[in-house]
Structures are given as C-alpha cells and as structure tokens.
C-alpha cells in the first residue's frame, strides 16, 4: 500500500473518500490559495464533516510547515 501511494495515490487501492481527501491535501500543499468552496463541498460529499475538514487541513498544513522548517535548517542533510 505504501509503495502504491508513493508511486501514484490516484492509482493506489484506496477508497473514493480517501482519494478526495488526498486530492484536497495535494492542492493545499501545492498552492493553498487554489482551495475553493467546491473542494470543501467534495469533502463533505465524500463523508467528511466540518470538524474532519478542519483536522485534515491542520494536519496537512502542519506537516507542510515542519518540513519547510526542517529543509530550511538543513535537517537530515549530510
């Protein structure tokens, strides 16, 4: 599963709801200003409530933030 997700999550054996969530997270990661109401509507249609959408957003944003901090400080580089 991990290998399939790393290779291409769009072809990995995941649920439709998981795919919608990952589509949202990818958009948030690449350019959060492109998130629209329609993205939240798709998450709701996939079964995520407002609390879940907030949690998805916070977790993805935190990982984006902490990875950028680590990159800027050279953490993990030799």
N, C-alpha and C. Protein backbone atom coordinates (compact mmCIF):
# COMPACT_ATOMS: atom_id res chain seq x y z
N UNK A 1 0.83 -1.19 0.00
CA UNK A 1 0.00 0.00 0.00
C UNK A 1 0.87 1.26 0.00
N UNK A 2 1.88 1.28 0.85
CA UNK A 2 2.75 2.46 0.93
C UNK A 2 3.43 2.71 -0.41
N UNK A 3 3.93 1.64 -1.02
CA UNK A 3 4.58 1.80 -2.32
C UNK A 3 3.61 2.34 -3.36
N UNK A 4 2.39 1.84 -3.36
CA UNK A 4 1.38 2.30 -4.32
C UNK A 4 1.07 3.78 -4.09
N UNK A 5 0.97 4.17 -2.83
CA UNK A 5 0.69 5.58 -2.52
C UNK A 5 1.86 6.47 -2.92
N UNK A 6 3.07 6.02 -2.65
CA UNK A 6 4.25 6.80 -3.02
C UNK A 6 4.38 6.93 -4.54
N UNK A 7 4.05 5.86 -5.24
CA UNK A 7 4.18 5.87 -6.70
C UNK A 7 3.16 6.82 -7.32
N UNK A 8 1.88 6.65 -6.97
CA UNK A 8 0.82 7.50 -7.51
C UNK A 8 -0.47 7.22 -6.75
N UNK A 9 -0.82 8.10 -5.83
CA UNK A 9 -2.00 7.85 -5.00
C UNK A 9 -3.27 7.74 -5.83
N UNK A 10 -3.28 8.33 -7.02
CA UNK A 10 -4.51 8.29 -7.83
C UNK A 10 -4.79 6.89 -8.38
N UNK A 11 -3.78 6.03 -8.37
CA UNK A 11 -3.99 4.66 -8.84
C UNK A 11 -3.86 3.65 -7.71
N UNK A 12 -3.62 4.13 -6.50
CA UNK A 12 -3.48 3.24 -5.34
C UNK A 12 -4.85 2.66 -4.96
N UNK A 13 -4.85 1.50 -4.34
CA UNK A 13 -6.12 0.87 -3.94
C UNK A 13 -6.68 1.50 -2.65
N UNK A 14 -7.24 2.70 -2.80
CA UNK A 14 -7.82 3.42 -1.66
C UNK A 14 -9.29 3.72 -1.97
N UNK A 15 -10.01 4.11 -0.95
CA UNK A 15 -11.43 4.41 -1.14
C UNK A 15 -11.61 5.73 -1.88
N UNK A 16 -12.80 5.94 -2.39
CA UNK A 16 -13.11 7.20 -3.07
C UNK A 16 -12.96 8.37 -2.10
N UNK A 17 -13.37 8.19 -0.85
CA UNK A 17 -13.24 9.26 0.14
C UNK A 17 -11.78 9.58 0.41
N UNK A 18 -10.96 8.56 0.50
CA UNK A 18 -9.53 8.80 0.72
C UNK A 18 -8.91 9.53 -0.47
N UNK A 19 -9.37 9.21 -1.66
CA UNK A 19 -8.84 9.89 -2.85
C UNK A 19 -9.24 11.36 -2.86
N UNK A 20 -10.48 11.65 -2.49
CA UNK A 20 -10.93 13.04 -2.41
C UNK A 20 -10.09 13.80 -1.37
N UNK A 21 -9.85 13.16 -0.23
CA UNK A 21 -9.05 13.78 0.81
C UNK A 21 -7.63 14.06 0.31
N UNK A 22 -7.03 13.11 -0.37
CA UNK A 22 -5.67 13.30 -0.87
C UNK A 22 -5.63 14.34 -1.98
N UNK A 23 -6.64 14.40 -2.83
CA UNK A 23 -6.72 15.47 -3.83
C UNK A 23 -6.68 16.84 -3.15
N UNK A 24 -7.46 16.96 -2.08
CA UNK A 24 -7.53 18.21 -1.31
C UNK A 24 -6.16 18.54 -0.71
N UNK A 25 -5.52 17.55 -0.10
CA UNK A 25 -4.23 17.77 0.55
C UNK A 25 -3.16 18.15 -0.48
N UNK A 26 -3.19 17.54 -1.64
CA UNK A 26 -2.22 17.88 -2.68
C UNK A 26 -2.42 19.33 -3.12
N UNK A 27 -3.66 19.74 -3.33
CA UNK A 27 -3.93 21.13 -3.70
C UNK A 27 -3.46 22.08 -2.60
N UNK A 28 -3.78 21.75 -1.36
CA UNK A 28 -3.38 22.57 -0.22
C UNK A 28 -1.86 22.70 -0.17
N UNK A 29 -1.16 21.60 -0.43
CA UNK A 29 0.30 21.59 -0.36
C UNK A 29 0.93 22.39 -1.51
N UNK A 30 0.40 22.22 -2.70
CA UNK A 30 0.98 22.91 -3.86
C UNK A 30 0.67 24.40 -3.87
N UNK A 31 -0.58 24.77 -3.56
CA UNK A 31 -0.98 26.18 -3.55
C UNK A 31 -2.31 26.32 -2.83
N UNK A 32 -2.24 26.60 -1.55
CA UNK A 32 -3.45 26.68 -0.72
C UNK A 32 -4.42 27.75 -1.19
N UNK A 33 -3.94 28.73 -1.94
CA UNK A 33 -4.85 29.78 -2.42
C UNK A 33 -5.80 29.25 -3.50
N UNK A 34 -5.55 28.05 -3.99
CA UNK A 34 -6.43 27.45 -5.00
C UNK A 34 -7.56 26.63 -4.39
N UNK A 35 -7.58 26.51 -3.06
CA UNK A 35 -8.68 25.80 -2.39
C UNK A 35 -9.93 26.66 -2.50
N UNK A 36 -11.01 26.06 -2.94
CA UNK A 36 -12.29 26.77 -3.11
C UNK A 36 -13.38 26.05 -2.32
N UNK A 37 -14.50 26.70 -2.23
CA UNK A 37 -15.67 26.11 -1.55
C UNK A 37 -16.00 24.75 -2.13
N UNK A 38 -15.83 24.60 -3.44
CA UNK A 38 -16.12 23.33 -4.11
C UNK A 38 -15.25 22.19 -3.56
N UNK A 39 -14.02 22.51 -3.17
CA UNK A 39 -13.15 21.48 -2.59
C UNK A 39 -13.73 20.99 -1.27
N UNK A 40 -14.20 21.92 -0.46
CA UNK A 40 -14.83 21.55 0.82
C UNK A 40 -16.13 20.79 0.57
N UNK A 41 -16.88 21.22 -0.44
CA UNK A 41 -18.12 20.52 -0.78
C UNK A 41 -17.84 19.07 -1.19
N UNK A 42 -16.77 18.85 -1.97
CA UNK A 42 -16.40 17.49 -2.37
C UNK A 42 -16.04 16.64 -1.15
N UNK A 43 -15.33 17.24 -0.19
CA UNK A 43 -15.01 16.51 1.03
C UNK A 43 -16.27 16.14 1.80
N UNK A 44 -17.21 17.09 1.89
CA UNK A 44 -18.48 16.80 2.58
C UNK A 44 -19.24 15.68 1.86
N UNK A 45 -19.29 15.74 0.53
CA UNK A 45 -19.99 14.71 -0.24
C UNK A 45 -19.33 13.34 -0.04
N UNK A 46 -18.03 13.34 0.25
CA UNK A 46 -17.30 12.09 0.47
C UNK A 46 -17.49 11.58 1.90
N UNK A 47 -18.18 12.36 2.74
CA UNK A 47 -18.47 11.91 4.08
C UNK A 47 -17.73 12.61 5.21
N UNK A 48 -16.95 13.62 4.87
CA UNK A 48 -16.21 14.35 5.91
C UNK A 48 -17.04 15.52 6.41
N UNK A 49 -17.16 15.65 7.74
CA UNK A 49 -17.88 16.80 8.30
C UNK A 49 -16.90 17.96 8.49
N UNK A 50 -17.41 19.09 8.98
CA UNK A 50 -16.57 20.28 9.12
C UNK A 50 -15.39 20.05 10.06
N UNK A 51 -15.61 19.30 11.13
CA UNK A 51 -14.51 19.02 12.06
C UNK A 51 -13.42 18.20 11.37
N UNK A 52 -13.82 17.23 10.59
CA UNK A 52 -12.85 16.41 9.87
C UNK A 52 -12.09 17.24 8.83
N UNK A 53 -12.79 18.13 8.15
CA UNK A 53 -12.13 19.00 7.16
C UNK A 53 -11.11 19.89 7.85
N UNK A 54 -11.47 20.42 9.01
CA UNK A 54 -10.52 21.23 9.78
C UNK A 54 -9.32 20.39 10.17
N UNK A 55 -9.54 19.19 10.66
CA UNK A 55 -8.43 18.33 11.06
C UNK A 55 -7.53 17.97 9.89
N UNK A 56 -8.11 17.63 8.76
CA UNK A 56 -7.33 17.33 7.55
C UNK A 56 -6.46 18.54 7.19
N UNK A 57 -7.07 19.71 7.21
CA UNK A 57 -6.36 20.94 6.85
C UNK A 57 -5.24 21.24 7.84
N UNK A 58 -5.52 21.13 9.12
CA UNK A 58 -4.50 21.41 10.13
C UNK A 58 -3.34 20.43 10.07
N UNK A 59 -3.63 19.16 9.92
CA UNK A 59 -2.57 18.16 9.89
C UNK A 59 -1.70 18.33 8.65
N UNK A 60 -2.32 18.50 7.49
CA UNK A 60 -1.54 18.68 6.26
C UNK A 60 -0.72 19.96 6.33
N UNK A 61 -1.31 21.02 6.84
CA UNK A 61 -0.60 22.30 6.94
C UNK A 61 0.58 22.19 7.91
N UNK A 62 0.38 21.49 9.03
CA UNK A 62 1.46 21.33 10.00
C UNK A 62 2.62 20.56 9.37
N UNK A 63 2.32 19.48 8.67
CA UNK A 63 3.39 18.73 8.02
C UNK A 63 4.11 19.57 6.97
N UNK A 64 3.35 20.35 6.20
CA UNK A 64 3.99 21.24 5.22
C UNK A 64 4.92 22.23 5.92
N UNK A 65 4.43 22.81 7.00
CA UNK A 65 5.21 23.78 7.76
C UNK A 65 6.49 23.16 8.32
N UNK A 66 6.35 22.07 9.04
CA UNK A 66 7.50 21.48 9.72
C UNK A 66 8.53 20.96 8.72
N UNK A 67 8.08 20.47 7.57
CA UNK A 67 9.03 20.03 6.54
C UNK A 67 9.79 21.21 5.96
N UNK A 68 9.14 22.34 5.78
CA UNK A 68 9.83 23.52 5.26
C UNK A 68 10.84 24.05 6.28
N UNK A 69 10.48 24.03 7.55
CA UNK A 69 11.42 24.44 8.59
C UNK A 69 12.64 23.52 8.58
N UNK A 70 12.39 22.22 8.54
CA UNK A 70 13.50 21.26 8.52
C UNK A 70 14.37 21.46 7.28
N UNK A 71 13.75 21.67 6.13
CA UNK A 71 14.51 21.91 4.90
C UNK A 71 15.37 23.16 5.02
N UNK A 72 14.77 24.23 5.55
CA UNK A 72 15.50 25.50 5.67
C UNK A 72 16.68 25.39 6.62
N UNK A 73 16.58 24.55 7.63
CA UNK A 73 17.64 24.39 8.60
C UNK A 73 18.61 23.26 8.25
N UNK A 74 18.33 22.59 7.15
CA UNK A 74 19.21 21.52 6.70
C UNK A 74 19.09 20.23 7.50
N UNK A 75 17.98 20.07 8.20
CA UNK A 75 17.78 18.86 9.00
C UNK A 75 17.72 17.65 8.07
N UNK A 76 18.51 16.64 8.39
CA UNK A 76 18.51 15.42 7.58
C UNK A 76 19.50 15.44 6.43
N UNK A 77 20.12 16.57 6.20
CA UNK A 77 21.14 16.63 5.15
C UNK A 77 22.48 16.20 5.73
N UNK A 78 23.29 15.69 4.86
CA UNK A 78 24.62 15.27 5.34
C UNK A 78 25.62 16.37 5.15
